Amino acid sequence: MPLEAVEKVIEAEKENQERRDKAVLEARRMTEEAETNGRMLADQARRKAEADRRELLAQAEKRAKERSGELLQKARAADEAQCAQASARLEEAAELIVERVVE
């Protein structure tokens, strides 16, 4: 094989090795970039899920407070009605007792 042909083969092998090395480096860079992007997306999703959870919890607490306020108002109204009814019966009972004692 002539010297020129050998030199061309060596040069071609060198260029192929350089291309392979560049391709390996590019593949590593792309892998690292994909992993970084994946971590960023996972972190974003986690933060959004946490924000959604807090919002849902706040809404549930608000509804619970509103509902407990409604129930408390109903209970107070029922209590006042029972007290009024008891007071009316107490007066009737006192009048009945007075009538029986007088007779």
C-alpha atoms as a PDB file:
ATOM      1  CA  MET A   1       0.000   0.000   0.000  1.00  0.00           C
ATOM      2  CA  PRO A   2       1.449   3.347  -0.930  1.00  0.00           C
ATOM      3  CA  LEU A   3       2.288   5.783   1.860  1.00  0.00           C
ATOM      4  CA  GLU A   4      -0.357   8.245   0.689  1.00  0.00           C
ATOM      5  CA  ALA A   5      -3.096   5.627   1.025  1.00  0.00           C
ATOM      6  CA  VAL A   6      -1.925   4.718   4.543  1.00  0.00           C
ATOM      7  CA  GLU A   7      -1.898   8.386   5.529  1.00  0.00           C
ATOM      8  CA  LYS A   8      -5.416   8.823   4.146  1.00  0.00           C
ATOM      9  CA  VAL A   9      -6.649   5.803   6.114  1.00  0.00           C
ATOM     10  CA  ILE A  10      -4.987   7.114   9.296  1.00  0.00           C
ATOM     11  CA  GLU A  11      -6.498  10.563   8.695  1.00  0.00           C
ATOM     12  CA  ALA A  12      -9.946   9.047   8.079  1.00  0.00           C
ATOM     13  CA  GLU A  13      -9.681   6.962  11.260  1.00  0.00           C
ATOM     14  CA  LYS A  14      -8.638  10.061  13.205  1.00  0.00           C
ATOM     15  CA  GLU A  15     -11.589  12.033  11.829  1.00  0.00           C
ATOM     16  CA  ASN A  16     -13.958   9.161  12.632  1.00  0.00           C
ATOM     17  CA  GLN A  17     -12.627   8.987  16.191  1.00  0.00           C
ATOM     18  CA  GLU A  18     -13.084  12.754  16.603  1.00  0.00           C
ATOM     19  CA  ARG A  19     -16.669  12.485  15.307  1.00  0.00           C
ATOM     20  CA  ARG A  20     -17.349   9.584  17.700  1.00  0.00           C
ATOM     21  CA  ASP A  21     -15.894  11.540  20.624  1.00  0.00           C
ATOM     22  CA  LYS A  22     -18.007  14.567  19.718  1.00  0.00           C
ATOM     23  CA  ALA A  23     -21.087  12.376  19.381  1.00  0.00           C
ATOM     24  CA  VAL A  24     -20.444  10.799  22.794  1.00  0.00           C
ATOM     25  CA  LEU A  25     -20.009  14.242  24.365  1.00  0.00           C
ATOM     26  CA  GLU A  26     -23.169  15.509  22.672  1.00  0.00           C
ATOM     27  CA  ALA A  27     -25.096  12.449  23.829  1.00  0.00           C
ATOM     28  CA  ARG A  28     -23.911  13.010  27.417  1.00  0.00           C
ATOM     29  CA  ARG A  29     -24.822  16.680  27.216  1.00  0.00           C
ATOM     30  CA  MET A  30     -28.265  15.833  25.859  1.00  0.00           C
ATOM     31  CA  THR A  31     -28.760  13.214  28.586  1.00  0.00           C
ATOM     32  CA  GLU A  32     -27.754  15.680  31.298  1.00  0.00           C
ATOM     33  CA  GLU A  33     -30.005  18.329  29.800  1.00  0.00           C
ATOM     34  CA  ALA A  34     -32.924  15.894  29.652  1.00  0.00           C
ATOM     35  CA  GLU A  35     -32.339  14.853  33.271  1.00  0.00           C
ATOM     36  CA  THR A  36     -32.146  18.493  34.373  1.00  0.00           C
ATOM     37  CA  ASN A  37     -35.335  19.325  32.472  1.00  0.00           C
ATOM     38  CA  GLY A  38     -37.023  16.263  33.952  1.00  0.00           C
ATOM     39  CA  ARG A  39     -36.071  17.308  37.487  1.00  0.00           C
ATOM     40  CA  MET A  40     -37.298  20.841  36.800  1.00  0.00           C
ATOM     41  CA  LEU A  41     -40.614  19.550  35.463  1.00  0.00           C
ATOM     42  CA  ALA A  42     -41.001  17.202  38.438  1.00  0.00           C
ATOM     43  CA  ASP A  43     -40.280  20.078  40.831  1.00  0.00           C
ATOM     44  CA  GLN A  44     -42.784  22.276  39.001  1.00  0.00           C
ATOM     45  CA  ALA A  45     -45.409  19.544  39.202  1.00  0.00           C
ATOM     46  CA  ARG A  46     -44.697  19.068  42.922  1.00  0.00           C
ATOM     47  CA  ARG A  47     -45.005  22.798  43.595  1.00  0.00           C
ATOM     48  CA  LYS A  48     -48.247  23.001  41.614  1.00  0.00           C
ATOM     49  CA  ALA A  49     -49.668  19.973  43.419  1.00  0.00           C
ATOM     50  CA  GLU A  50     -48.751  21.534  46.769  1.00  0.00           C
ATOM     51  CA  ALA A  51     -50.343  24.848  45.772  1.00  0.00           C
ATOM     52  CA  ASP A  52     -53.472  23.013  44.594  1.00  0.00           C
ATOM     53  CA  ARG A  53     -53.571  21.053  47.865  1.00  0.00           C
ATOM     54  CA  ARG A  54     -53.305  24.234  49.913  1.00  0.00           C
ATOM     55  CA  GLU A  55     -56.038  25.895  47.837  1.00  0.00           C
ATOM     56  CA  LEU A  56     -58.364  22.913  48.203  1.00  0.00           C
ATOM     57  CA  LEU A  57     -57.690  22.764  51.937  1.00  0.00           C
ATOM     58  CA  ALA A  58     -58.401  26.489  52.287  1.00  0.00           C
ATOM     59  CA  GLN A  59     -61.669  26.086  50.360  1.00  0.00           C
ATOM     60  CA  ALA A  60     -62.671  23.107  52.508  1.00  0.00           C
ATOM     61  CA  GLU A  61     -61.890  25.029  55.696  1.00  0.00           C
ATOM     62  CA  LYS A  62     -63.904  28.009  54.451  1.00  0.00           C
ATOM     63  CA  ARG A  63     -66.890  25.777  53.633  1.00  0.00           C
ATOM     64  CA  ALA A  64     -66.569  24.065  57.004  1.00  0.00           C
ATOM     65  CA  LYS A  65     -66.567  27.414  58.825  1.00  0.00           C
ATOM     66  CA  GLU A  66     -69.578  28.608  56.833  1.00  0.00           C
ATOM     67  CA  ARG A  67     -71.426  25.358  57.506  1.00  0.00           C
ATOM     68  CA  SER A  68     -70.562  25.383  61.208  1.00  0.00           C
ATOM     69  CA  GLY A  69     -71.779  28.994  61.414  1.00  0.00           C
ATOM     70  CA  GLU A  70     -75.060  27.988  59.780  1.00  0.00           C
ATOM     71  CA  LEU A  71     -75.458  25.043  62.153  1.00  0.00           C
ATOM     72  CA  LEU A  72     -74.657  27.248  65.141  1.00  0.00           C
ATOM     73  CA  GLN A  73     -77.303  29.772  64.087  1.00  0.00           C
ATOM     74  CA  LYS A  74     -79.884  27.007  63.687  1.00  0.00           C
ATOM     75  CA  ALA A  75     -78.958  25.554  67.063  1.00  0.00           C
ATOM     76  CA  ARG A  76     -79.263  28.959  68.731  1.00  0.00           C
ATOM     77  CA  ALA A  77     -82.643  29.551  67.100  1.00  0.00           C
ATOM     78  CA  ALA A  78     -83.855  26.132  68.237  1.00  0.00           C
ATOM     79  CA  ASP A  79     -82.513  26.806  71.737  1.00  0.00           C
ATOM     80  CA  GLU A  80     -84.283  30.170  71.898  1.00  0.00           C
ATOM     81  CA  ALA A  81     -87.518  28.558  70.712  1.00  0.00           C
ATOM     82  CA  GLN A  82     -87.248  25.845  73.368  1.00  0.00           C
ATOM     83  CA  CYS A  83     -86.485  28.422  76.040  1.00  0.00           C
ATOM     84  CA  ALA A  84     -89.504  30.491  75.012  1.00  0.00           C
ATOM     85  CA  GLN A  85     -91.684  27.381  75.006  1.00  0.00           C
ATOM     86  CA  ALA A  86     -90.349  26.344  78.419  1.00  0.00           C
ATOM     87  CA  SER A  87     -90.972  29.828  79.813  1.00  0.00           C
ATOM     88  CA  ALA A  88     -94.552  29.745  78.552  1.00  0.00           C
ATOM     89  CA  ARG A  89     -95.129  26.342  80.108  1.00  0.00           C
ATOM     90  CA  LEU A  90     -93.521  27.464  83.335  1.00  0.00           C
ATOM     91  CA  GLU A  91     -96.043  30.279  83.604  1.00  0.00           C
ATOM     92  CA  GLU A  92     -98.882  27.840  82.853  1.00  0.00           C
ATOM     93  CA  ALA A  93     -97.537  25.426  85.455  1.00  0.00           C
ATOM     94  CA  ALA A  94     -97.255  28.194  88.049  1.00  0.00           C
ATOM     95  CA  GLU A  95    -100.828  29.293  87.363  1.00  0.00           C
ATOM     96  CA  LEU A  96    -102.037  25.679  87.640  1.00  0.00           C
ATOM     97  CA  ILE A  97    -100.254  25.257  90.959  1.00  0.00           C
ATOM     98  CA  VAL A  98    -101.706  28.508  92.286  1.00  0.00           C
ATOM     99  CA  GLU A  99    -105.199  27.427  91.216  1.00  0.00           C
ATOM    100  CA  ARG A 100    -104.871  24.069  92.964  1.00  0.00           C
ATOM    101  CA  VAL A 101    -103.436  25.569  96.114  1.00  0.00           C
ATOM    102  CA  VAL A 102    -106.187  28.187  96.310  1.00  0.00           C
ATOM    103  CA  GLU A 103    -108.938  25.628  95.795  1.00  0.00           C
END
